[in-house]
Amino acid sequence: MTSIKKLFAPTDMTKGVPWKSIVAFTLPMLIGNIAQQLYNTVDSIVVSHYIKDSADVIAANINNPDFVKAGDRALSAVGSCGPILNMLLVLFIGISAGASIMVSQYFGAKNRKSLSFTVGNCITVTAIACIILIAVMTPLIRPLLVVLNTPASTLDWCCDYLTISLIGIMGMAYYNILSGIIRGLGDSFSALLYLLVATILNIILDIFFVANLNMEVAGVALATVIAQCVSSALCLWKLSRMQQFFDFKLSYLKPVGEYVMRIIKLGLPSGLTQAIFSSAMIIVQSLTNSFGELFIAANVVIMRVDGFAMMPNFSFGTAMTTYAGQNVGAGDYDRVSKGAKQGTLIAVGTSALITAIILLFGKPLMGVFTETAELVDMSYYLMMILATGYIAMAVTQSLSGIMRGAGDTVTPMWVSLCTTVLARVPIAYGISFLTRTPELPHGRYECIQISLLISWVLGAVLTSIFYARGKWKNKAITKQ
């Protein structure tokens, strides 16, 4: 019983062997991130396999080489919504990042009052932000999809998916923020458990809404919203039972300028980083849409496999943020540096293993999402271009995590700005323009993946340089 309680208890990462603390914290979070990735993955698999064309439509297009099956069109619709949905969530990603950094540093410094105000103010700020976002963005969804050259055959599905996701965004937002607070306290296991519960619920509801109720793409969106509302409610319940570390009372929900501004100051660069990335994705999505429905569907398959391949990198990055935050709060910078070296080496080794798996077993992985042979081949070919980039991303995520945990969220933002706005987008459109021919009026479609690979490698180089300069060591909020 004691060992089970330890799994759900906050972890003090200022003690013990650095790499062991990082790995022990990362593993539950990695499983949780994989489970979270299953949300979109299951959505894609369900719509691909359960949404079918009528017999009349199939008969009418039996000799049409350009015909794309309903399941593949639905797959492209769900995937096309990803960059836009991520853009809608950037504000909450920023709040979550700021909250996690503050919580980990105040926890390391044993500052109960500041920890209590941080938690309470995050809950209030999130509620206000959700209300504003729903009111402003709901009427703009369809016009935005039209501007992005969304194919007419998937426009209504995309609109349904995004509208339902936006109306239910409070559940998504609160899970990201509350789980970030829980992880900032050193408890990655509870967030994992609640996410697993929500993932299982999402799978059941996906199949029920689509296969049984024929709700098509709207069904998977509704299933995801309900599941994430459940996970956020469980996180809120967990926080209410952690009052040995902070006070969870109504008085702390009242916005206090000092803490709100600190959350914004720390979280805004992280939110902007995600906004920059999402903006680039949306801009590139317009180019992606120009290559047709088959390529859009292939890109979705790649993103789903990519989501799993990136999970270790994101998990190590978040673990390094909490690790650095707690040790910076305790004033132990030597331990931060040791953990940075050890954690980055483990992350690089993990990514190298994942790259090998993708190279060896890529085609069967693509086949999980579609039965269309041409789509599998195209997806596998494009995935090969990206594969080695995951090793570079391991370096970027680990060292960025250290800098963020220390309170420097601005440097990773500038790195993201350089690699996406100044590198990825111009390279993608440049290759597309330079490879245009009468047979390929939009250029070669490989431009999307080549530009992404280059941006990942550039990001690793820049992040390593800024980490080595060491200015992140002067950013701790506990020094202010």
Protein backbone atom coordinates (compact mmCIF):
# COMPACT_ATOMS: atom_id res chain seq x y z
CA MET A 1 0.00 0.00 0.00
CA THR A 2 2.86 2.36 0.83
CA SER A 3 4.47 1.80 -2.58
CA ILE A 4 1.16 2.55 -4.34
CA LYS A 5 0.81 5.81 -2.39
CA LYS A 6 4.31 6.83 -3.47
CA LEU A 7 3.23 6.59 -7.12
CA PHE A 8 0.59 9.28 -6.54
CA ALA A 9 2.77 11.48 -4.30
CA PRO A 10 4.72 14.53 -5.51
CA THR A 11 8.38 13.75 -6.20
CA ASP A 12 11.24 15.85 -4.84
CA MET A 13 13.68 15.91 -7.78
CA THR A 14 16.31 17.85 -5.83
CA LYS A 15 17.62 14.59 -4.36
CA GLY A 16 19.06 11.33 -5.70
CA VAL A 17 20.85 10.48 -8.95
CA PRO A 18 19.78 13.03 -11.62
CA TRP A 19 19.16 10.62 -14.53
CA LYS A 20 17.19 8.25 -12.32
CA SER A 21 14.92 11.09 -11.18
CA ILE A 22 14.40 12.23 -14.77
CA VAL A 23 13.68 8.74 -16.13
CA ALA A 24 11.35 7.86 -13.23
CA PHE A 25 9.40 11.04 -13.88
CA THR A 26 9.46 10.63 -17.66
CA LEU A 27 8.14 7.06 -17.94
CA PRO A 28 4.61 7.64 -16.59
CA MET A 29 4.41 10.89 -18.55
CA LEU A 30 5.57 9.13 -21.72
CA ILE A 31 2.84 6.53 -21.34
CA GLY A 32 0.39 9.37 -20.73
CA ASN A 33 1.55 11.30 -23.80
CA ILE A 34 1.20 8.15 -25.89
CA ALA A 35 -2.32 7.72 -24.49
CA GLN A 36 -3.12 11.35 -25.34
CA GLN A 37 -1.82 10.81 -28.85
CA LEU A 38 -4.29 7.94 -29.09
CA TYR A 39 -7.09 10.52 -29.04
CA ASN A 40 -6.27 11.73 -32.55
CA THR A 41 -4.99 8.36 -33.70
CA VAL A 42 -8.15 6.51 -32.76
CA ASP A 43 -10.20 9.30 -34.35
CA SER A 44 -8.29 8.76 -37.61
CA ILE A 45 -8.53 4.96 -37.53
CA VAL A 46 -12.25 4.96 -36.74
CA VAL A 47 -13.26 7.42 -39.46
CA SER A 48 -11.02 5.67 -41.97
CA HIS A 49 -12.50 2.23 -41.35
CA TYR A 50 -16.13 2.99 -40.43
CA ILE A 51 -17.11 5.80 -42.82
CA LYS A 52 -17.96 4.17 -46.15
CA ASP A 53 -19.27 5.25 -49.55
CA SER A 54 -22.66 3.99 -50.64
CA ALA A 55 -22.81 1.16 -53.20
CA ASP A 56 -24.08 3.63 -55.83
CA VAL A 57 -21.12 5.96 -55.34
CA ILE A 58 -18.64 3.08 -55.56
CA ALA A 59 -20.27 1.76 -58.74
CA ALA A 60 -20.28 5.20 -60.34
CA ASN A 61 -16.55 5.71 -59.70
CA ILE A 62 -15.24 2.20 -60.28
CA ASN A 63 -13.17 3.36 -63.29
CA ASN A 64 -12.30 6.81 -61.93
CA PRO A 65 -8.54 6.93 -61.08
CA ASP A 66 -8.98 10.20 -59.15
CA PHE A 67 -11.70 8.83 -56.86
CA VAL A 68 -10.83 9.00 -53.14
CA LYS A 69 -12.80 6.75 -50.80
CA ALA A 70 -14.98 8.26 -48.07
CA GLY A 71 -12.79 6.79 -45.32
CA ASP A 72 -9.66 8.40 -46.76
CA ARG A 73 -11.47 11.72 -47.23
CA ALA A 74 -12.64 11.59 -43.60
CA LEU A 75 -9.07 10.79 -42.56
CA SER A 76 -7.80 13.88 -44.36
CA ALA A 77 -10.58 16.00 -42.80
CA VAL A 78 -9.69 15.04 -39.23
CA GLY A 79 -5.98 15.57 -39.90
CA SER A 80 -6.49 18.92 -41.62
CA CYS A 81 -8.14 20.23 -38.46
CA GLY A 82 -5.06 19.49 -36.34
CA PRO A 83 -3.02 22.66 -37.01
CA ILE A 84 -6.07 24.90 -36.53
CA LEU A 85 -7.08 23.16 -33.29
CA ASN A 86 -3.51 23.47 -32.02
CA MET A 87 -3.61 27.17 -32.77
CA LEU A 88 -6.79 27.51 -30.69
CA LEU A 89 -5.04 25.78 -27.78
CA VAL A 90 -1.84 27.87 -27.80
CA LEU A 91 -3.11 30.24 -25.10
CA PHE A 92 -3.71 27.35 -22.73
CA ILE A 93 -0.39 25.76 -23.61
CA GLY A 94 1.18 29.04 -22.54
CA ILE A 95 -0.76 29.17 -19.27
CA SER A 96 0.15 25.53 -18.61
CA ALA A 97 3.85 26.18 -19.26
CA GLY A 98 3.90 29.22 -17.00
CA ALA A 99 2.01 27.38 -14.26
CA SER A 100 4.28 24.33 -14.42
CA ILE A 101 7.43 26.45 -14.12
CA MET A 102 6.06 28.50 -11.21
CA VAL A 103 4.71 25.44 -9.40
CA SER A 104 7.98 23.50 -9.72
CA GLN A 105 10.11 26.44 -8.53
CA TYR A 106 7.81 27.34 -5.63
CA PHE A 107 7.59 23.67 -4.68
CA GLY A 108 11.40 23.42 -4.72
CA ALA A 109 11.63 26.60 -2.63
CA LYS A 110 8.88 25.33 -0.22
CA ASN A 111 6.86 28.57 -0.72
CA ARG A 112 3.29 27.52 0.20
CA LYS A 113 1.60 30.91 -0.21
CA SER A 114 2.93 31.59 -3.71
CA LEU A 115 2.15 28.02 -4.73
CA SER A 116 -1.47 28.42 -3.58
CA PHE A 117 -1.99 31.68 -5.47
CA THR A 118 -0.39 30.22 -8.60
CA VAL A 119 -2.80 27.26 -8.68
CA GLY A 120 -5.89 29.37 -7.96
CA ASN A 121 -5.07 32.10 -10.46
CA CYS A 122 -4.39 29.56 -13.21
CA ILE A 123 -7.87 28.10 -12.77
CA THR A 124 -9.51 31.54 -12.99
CA VAL A 125 -7.46 32.79 -15.95
CA THR A 126 -8.25 29.61 -17.88
CA ALA A 127 -12.01 29.99 -17.40
CA ILE A 128 -11.95 33.60 -18.64
CA ALA A 129 -9.78 32.70 -21.64
CA CYS A 130 -12.09 29.83 -22.66
CA ILE A 131 -15.20 32.03 -22.66
CA ILE A 132 -13.52 34.72 -24.80
CA LEU A 133 -12.09 32.18 -27.25
CA ILE A 134 -15.42 30.42 -27.82
CA ALA A 135 -17.24 33.71 -28.41
CA VAL A 136 -14.67 35.10 -30.84
CA MET A 137 -13.60 32.05 -32.85
CA THR A 138 -16.80 30.03 -33.41
CA PRO A 139 -18.14 32.29 -36.23
CA LEU A 140 -14.72 32.32 -37.95
CA ILE A 141 -14.21 28.58 -38.43
CA ARG A 142 -15.77 28.12 -41.87
CA PRO A 143 -14.24 31.30 -43.40
CA LEU A 144 -10.82 30.20 -42.13
CA LEU A 145 -11.19 26.75 -43.69
CA VAL A 146 -12.16 28.33 -47.02
CA VAL A 147 -9.10 30.63 -46.95
CA LEU A 148 -6.89 27.56 -46.39
CA ASN A 149 -8.12 25.95 -49.62
CA THR A 150 -9.83 23.11 -47.79
CA PRO A 151 -11.28 20.74 -50.44
CA ALA A 152 -15.04 21.12 -50.88
CA SER A 153 -15.47 17.36 -50.31
CA THR A 154 -14.18 17.67 -46.72
CA LEU A 155 -15.16 21.24 -45.83
CA ASP A 156 -18.35 20.36 -43.92
CA TRP A 157 -16.62 17.57 -42.00
CA CYS A 158 -13.78 19.92 -41.01
CA CYS A 159 -16.26 22.56 -39.91
CA ASP A 160 -18.21 20.08 -37.75
CA TYR A 161 -15.05 18.74 -36.13
CA LEU A 162 -13.64 22.17 -35.25
CA THR A 163 -16.95 23.63 -34.05
CA ILE A 164 -17.56 20.79 -31.60
CA SER A 165 -13.92 20.88 -30.44
CA LEU A 166 -14.09 24.63 -29.87
CA ILE A 167 -17.35 24.51 -27.90
CA GLY A 168 -15.82 21.81 -25.70
CA ILE A 169 -12.41 23.45 -25.43
CA MET A 170 -12.74 24.04 -21.68
CA GLY A 171 -12.26 20.33 -21.02
CA MET A 172 -9.14 20.23 -23.22
CA ALA A 173 -7.75 23.43 -21.71
CA TYR A 174 -8.25 22.40 -18.09
CA TYR A 175 -6.67 19.00 -18.60
CA ASN A 176 -3.54 20.59 -20.09
CA ILE A 177 -3.27 23.18 -17.33
CA LEU A 178 -4.24 21.07 -14.30
CA SER A 179 -2.06 18.15 -15.38
CA GLY A 180 0.78 20.66 -15.87
CA ILE A 181 0.32 21.84 -12.28
CA ILE A 182 0.27 18.26 -11.00
CA ARG A 183 3.45 17.45 -12.94
CA GLY A 184 5.06 20.64 -11.64
CA LEU A 185 4.58 19.18 -8.17
CA GLY A 186 6.50 16.11 -9.32
CA ASP A 187 3.51 13.76 -9.74
CA SER A 188 3.46 12.38 -13.27
CA PHE A 189 1.63 9.17 -12.33
CA SER A 190 -1.76 10.68 -11.44
CA ALA A 191 -1.96 12.59 -14.72
CA LEU A 192 -1.16 9.31 -16.48
CA LEU A 193 -3.91 7.38 -14.71
CA TYR A 194 -6.58 9.98 -15.46
CA LEU A 195 -5.51 10.18 -19.08
CA LEU A 196 -5.70 6.40 -19.47
CA VAL A 197 -9.26 6.48 -18.15
CA ALA A 198 -10.16 9.21 -20.64
CA THR A 199 -8.43 7.40 -23.52
CA ILE A 200 -10.40 4.20 -22.95
CA LEU A 201 -13.60 6.25 -22.75
CA ASN A 202 -12.66 8.06 -25.98
CA ILE A 203 -12.16 4.79 -27.87
CA ILE A 204 -15.51 3.42 -26.70
CA LEU A 205 -17.36 6.64 -27.58
CA ASP A 206 -15.58 6.93 -30.95
CA ILE A 207 -16.84 3.55 -32.08
CA PHE A 208 -20.30 4.08 -30.57
CA PHE A 209 -20.88 7.51 -32.16
CA VAL A 210 -19.45 6.65 -35.59
CA ALA A 211 -20.20 2.95 -36.08
CA ASN A 212 -23.51 2.79 -34.20
CA LEU A 213 -24.99 6.29 -34.51
CA ASN A 214 -23.44 7.16 -37.92
CA MET A 215 -22.33 10.58 -36.67
CA GLU A 216 -19.28 10.51 -38.98
CA VAL A 217 -16.53 13.05 -38.22
CA ALA A 218 -18.71 14.95 -35.72
CA GLY A 219 -18.87 11.77 -33.64
CA VAL A 220 -15.13 11.51 -33.06
CA ALA A 221 -14.96 15.20 -32.10
CA LEU A 222 -17.76 14.77 -29.55
CA ALA A 223 -16.10 11.64 -28.14
CA THR A 224 -12.82 13.48 -27.64
CA VAL A 225 -14.48 16.44 -25.92
CA ILE A 226 -16.38 14.22 -23.47
CA ALA A 227 -13.28 12.16 -22.66
CA GLN A 228 -11.13 15.21 -22.00
CA CYS A 229 -13.79 16.76 -19.77
CA VAL A 230 -13.62 13.59 -17.67
CA SER A 231 -9.81 13.76 -17.45
CA SER A 232 -9.87 17.44 -16.43
CA ALA A 233 -12.46 16.72 -13.71
CA LEU A 234 -10.23 13.96 -12.32
CA CYS A 235 -7.24 16.34 -12.27
CA LEU A 236 -9.26 18.94 -10.37
CA TRP A 237 -10.29 16.28 -7.83
CA LYS A 238 -6.63 15.29 -7.41
CA LEU A 239 -5.56 18.87 -6.72
CA SER A 240 -8.27 19.22 -4.07
CA ARG A 241 -6.62 16.30 -2.22
CA MET A 242 -3.08 17.77 -2.24
CA GLN A 243 -3.59 20.48 0.36
CA GLN A 244 -0.61 19.34 2.41
CA PHE A 245 1.47 21.29 -0.14
CA PHE A 246 -0.78 24.28 -0.89
CA ASP A 247 -4.17 25.76 0.05
CA PHE A 248 -7.00 25.03 -2.37
CA LYS A 249 -9.59 27.63 -1.34
CA LEU A 250 -11.92 30.09 -3.06
CA SER A 251 -9.89 33.05 -1.77
CA TYR A 252 -6.97 31.97 -3.94
CA LEU A 253 -9.12 31.97 -7.10
CA LYS A 254 -9.35 35.76 -7.02
CA PRO A 255 -6.97 37.14 -9.67
CA VAL A 256 -3.86 38.76 -8.15
CA GLY A 257 -1.91 40.95 -10.52
CA GLU A 258 1.50 39.75 -9.39
CA TYR A 259 0.74 36.10 -10.10
CA VAL A 260 -1.33 36.66 -13.24
CA MET A 261 1.44 38.75 -14.77
CA ARG A 262 4.07 36.19 -13.79
CA ILE A 263 2.04 33.40 -15.39
CA ILE A 264 1.73 35.51 -18.54
CA LYS A 265 5.40 36.51 -18.50
CA LEU A 266 6.57 32.91 -18.24
CA GLY A 267 3.82 31.33 -20.31
CA LEU A 268 3.51 33.85 -23.14
CA PRO A 269 6.80 32.88 -24.84
CA SER A 270 5.86 29.19 -24.65
CA GLY A 271 2.41 30.00 -26.01
CA LEU A 272 3.93 32.12 -28.75
CA THR A 273 6.34 29.29 -29.57
CA GLN A 274 3.40 26.97 -30.12
CA ALA A 275 1.53 29.73 -31.96
CA ILE A 276 4.49 30.21 -34.30
CA PHE A 277 4.67 26.49 -34.93
CA SER A 278 0.91 26.22 -35.46
CA SER A 279 0.91 29.28 -37.75
CA ALA A 280 3.62 27.69 -39.86
CA MET A 281 1.60 24.48 -39.95
CA ILE A 282 -1.48 26.39 -41.10
CA ILE A 283 0.48 28.25 -43.78
CA VAL A 284 2.06 25.01 -44.96
CA GLN A 285 -1.37 23.33 -44.75
CA SER A 286 -2.51 25.63 -47.55
CA LEU A 287 0.40 24.33 -49.65
CA THR A 288 -0.40 20.76 -48.56
CA ASN A 289 -4.02 21.14 -49.68
CA SER A 290 -2.83 22.15 -53.15
CA PHE A 291 -1.37 18.67 -53.70
CA GLY A 292 -4.78 17.00 -53.50
CA GLU A 293 -6.77 14.70 -51.21
CA LEU A 294 -4.45 11.69 -51.46
CA PHE A 295 -1.43 13.70 -50.31
CA ILE A 296 -3.50 15.33 -47.55
CA ALA A 297 -4.46 11.87 -46.31
CA ALA A 298 -0.82 10.71 -46.52
CA ASN A 299 0.23 13.75 -44.53
CA VAL A 300 -2.34 12.85 -41.86
CA VAL A 301 -0.97 9.30 -41.61
CA ILE A 302 2.54 10.72 -41.23
CA MET A 303 1.40 13.11 -38.51
CA ARG A 304 -0.18 10.25 -36.57
CA VAL A 305 3.01 8.15 -36.66
CA ASP A 306 5.06 11.30 -36.05
CA GLY A 307 2.96 12.02 -32.97
CA PHE A 308 4.05 8.75 -31.39
CA ALA A 309 7.66 9.14 -32.52
CA MET A 310 7.84 12.60 -30.92
CA MET A 311 6.33 11.52 -27.60
CA PRO A 312 9.64 10.55 -25.93
CA ASN A 313 11.14 13.89 -26.93
CA PHE A 314 8.20 15.88 -25.55
CA SER A 315 8.14 13.73 -22.40
CA PHE A 316 11.85 14.22 -21.71
CA GLY A 317 11.45 17.94 -22.41
CA THR A 318 8.64 18.28 -19.85
CA ALA A 319 10.53 16.15 -17.31
CA MET A 320 13.60 18.35 -17.74
CA THR A 321 11.44 21.43 -17.17
CA THR A 322 10.17 20.09 -13.84
CA TYR A 323 13.63 18.82 -12.88
CA ALA A 324 15.28 22.16 -13.65
CA GLY A 325 12.48 24.12 -11.98
CA GLN A 326 12.72 22.27 -8.68
CA ASN A 327 16.53 22.39 -8.57
CA VAL A 328 16.69 26.04 -9.60
CA GLY A 329 14.15 26.76 -6.85
CA ALA A 330 16.49 24.99 -4.44
CA GLY A 331 19.47 26.94 -5.85
CA ASP A 332 21.43 23.87 -7.00
CA TYR A 333 22.68 24.78 -10.50
CA ASP A 334 25.40 22.12 -10.54
CA ARG A 335 22.71 19.47 -10.23
CA VAL A 336 20.75 21.14 -13.05
CA SER A 337 23.76 20.88 -15.38
CA LYS A 338 24.38 17.22 -14.49
CA GLY A 339 20.74 16.38 -15.15
CA ALA A 340 20.82 18.26 -18.48
CA LYS A 341 23.74 16.16 -19.75
CA GLN A 342 22.41 12.84 -18.51
CA GLY A 343 18.82 13.45 -19.59
CA THR A 344 19.78 14.64 -23.07
CA LEU A 345 21.96 11.57 -23.70
CA ILE A 346 19.11 9.25 -22.71
CA ALA A 347 16.65 11.19 -24.89
CA VAL A 348 18.99 10.99 -27.90
CA GLY A 349 19.43 7.24 -27.42
CA THR A 350 15.67 6.74 -27.20
CA SER A 351 15.08 8.73 -30.40
CA ALA A 352 17.77 6.78 -32.23
CA LEU A 353 15.93 3.56 -31.34
CA ILE A 354 12.62 5.00 -32.56
CA THR A 355 14.24 6.09 -35.83
CA ALA A 356 15.47 2.53 -36.39
CA ILE A 357 11.98 1.14 -35.74
CA ILE A 358 10.44 3.56 -38.25
CA LEU A 359 13.00 2.65 -40.90
CA LEU A 360 12.44 -1.09 -40.40
CA PHE A 361 8.68 -1.28 -39.77
CA GLY A 362 7.33 1.89 -41.38
CA LYS A 363 5.01 0.27 -43.92
CA PRO A 364 3.06 -1.88 -41.44
CA LEU A 365 2.65 1.22 -39.26
CA MET A 366 1.15 3.15 -42.17
CA GLY A 367 -1.12 0.23 -42.98
CA VAL A 368 -2.88 0.61 -39.62
CA PHE A 369 -4.52 3.81 -40.85
CA THR A 370 -5.64 2.86 -44.36
CA GLU A 371 -6.13 -0.11 -46.67
CA THR A 372 -5.24 1.93 -49.76
CA ALA A 373 -1.88 0.62 -51.06
CA GLU A 374 -0.98 3.85 -52.87
CA LEU A 375 -1.58 5.83 -49.70
CA VAL A 376 0.58 3.45 -47.63
CA ASP A 377 3.47 3.72 -50.11
CA MET A 378 3.33 7.50 -50.27
CA SER A 379 3.16 7.83 -46.47
CA TYR A 380 6.11 5.48 -45.96
CA TYR A 381 8.26 7.31 -48.51
CA LEU A 382 7.61 10.68 -46.89
CA MET A 383 8.19 9.29 -43.40
CA MET A 384 11.65 8.11 -44.43
CA ILE A 385 12.58 11.73 -45.14
CA LEU A 386 11.68 12.75 -41.59
CA ALA A 387 13.00 9.76 -39.64
CA THR A 388 16.48 10.97 -38.66
CA GLY A 389 15.12 14.34 -37.57
CA TYR A 390 13.78 12.85 -34.35
CA ILE A 391 17.34 12.59 -33.00
CA ALA A 392 17.81 16.33 -33.54
CA MET A 393 14.49 17.02 -31.82
CA ALA A 394 15.66 15.05 -28.77
CA VAL A 395 18.43 17.62 -28.26
CA THR A 396 16.10 20.57 -28.85
CA GLN A 397 13.37 19.40 -26.47
CA SER A 398 15.72 18.36 -23.65
CA LEU A 399 17.82 21.53 -23.55
CA SER A 400 14.77 23.77 -24.13
CA GLY A 401 13.14 22.02 -21.17
CA ILE A 402 16.09 22.92 -18.96
CA MET A 403 15.98 26.56 -20.02
CA ARG A 404 12.20 26.79 -19.52
CA GLY A 405 12.41 25.19 -16.08
CA ALA A 406 15.01 27.77 -15.09
CA GLY A 407 12.60 30.53 -16.12
CA ASP A 408 14.00 31.32 -19.59
CA THR A 409 11.03 30.78 -21.88
CA VAL A 410 12.05 33.52 -24.32
CA THR A 411 15.08 31.78 -25.86
CA PRO A 412 13.14 28.68 -27.00
CA MET A 413 10.58 31.06 -28.51
CA TRP A 414 13.23 32.78 -30.63
CA VAL A 415 14.66 29.45 -31.71
CA SER A 416 11.17 28.37 -32.79
CA LEU A 417 10.71 31.65 -34.67
CA CYS A 418 13.95 31.15 -36.60
CA THR A 419 13.34 27.50 -37.45
CA THR A 420 9.74 27.89 -38.59
CA VAL A 421 9.13 31.40 -39.93
CA LEU A 422 12.65 32.01 -41.29
CA ALA A 423 13.44 28.44 -42.35
CA ARG A 424 10.61 25.95 -42.70
CA VAL A 425 7.95 28.03 -44.47
CA PRO A 426 10.29 29.71 -47.01
CA ILE A 427 12.06 26.40 -47.75
CA ALA A 428 8.77 24.55 -48.30
CA TYR A 429 7.40 27.16 -50.70
CA GLY A 430 10.82 27.65 -52.30
CA ILE A 431 11.24 23.97 -53.17
CA SER A 432 7.64 23.86 -54.37
CA PHE A 433 8.23 26.84 -56.68
CA LEU A 434 11.59 25.66 -58.03
CA THR A 435 10.34 22.16 -58.87
CA ARG A 436 7.24 23.19 -60.82
CA THR A 437 6.77 21.57 -64.22
CA PRO A 438 3.80 21.15 -66.58
CA GLU A 439 3.28 17.71 -65.04
CA LEU A 440 3.73 19.05 -61.48
CA PRO A 441 2.06 22.50 -61.47
CA HIS A 442 2.52 22.83 -57.68
CA GLY A 443 6.03 21.37 -57.57
CA ARG A 444 7.20 18.24 -55.75
CA TYR A 445 5.18 17.33 -52.68
CA GLU A 446 8.34 16.22 -50.79
CA CYS A 447 8.95 19.92 -50.08
CA ILE A 448 6.75 19.66 -46.95
CA GLN A 449 8.85 16.96 -45.25
CA ILE A 450 12.25 18.26 -46.45
CA SER A 451 11.55 21.71 -44.99
CA LEU A 452 10.48 20.16 -41.69
CA LEU A 453 13.65 18.05 -41.44
CA ILE A 454 15.87 21.08 -42.09
CA SER A 455 14.04 23.12 -39.43
CA TRP A 456 14.49 20.35 -36.84
CA VAL A 457 18.25 20.12 -37.42
CA LEU A 458 18.62 23.90 -37.31
CA GLY A 459 16.65 23.99 -34.05
CA ALA A 460 19.00 21.48 -32.40
CA VAL A 461 22.06 23.53 -33.40
CA LEU A 462 20.64 26.85 -32.17
CA THR A 463 19.31 25.41 -28.92
CA SER A 464 22.68 23.83 -28.10
CA ILE A 465 24.43 27.16 -28.67
CA PHE A 466 22.06 29.14 -26.44
CA TYR A 467 22.18 26.49 -23.70
CA ALA A 468 25.99 26.54 -23.71
CA ARG A 469 26.00 30.35 -23.32
CA GLY A 470 24.32 29.86 -19.94
CA LYS A 471 22.23 33.04 -19.69
CA TRP A 472 19.24 30.89 -18.65
CA LYS A 473 20.85 30.57 -15.20
CA ASN A 474 19.85 34.15 -14.34
CA LYS A 475 16.10 33.81 -14.97
CA ALA A 476 14.79 32.11 -11.80
CA ILE A 477 11.59 33.67 -10.40
CA THR A 478 12.67 32.73 -6.87
CA LYS A 479 15.48 35.28 -7.23
CA GLN A 480 13.02 38.10 -8.00
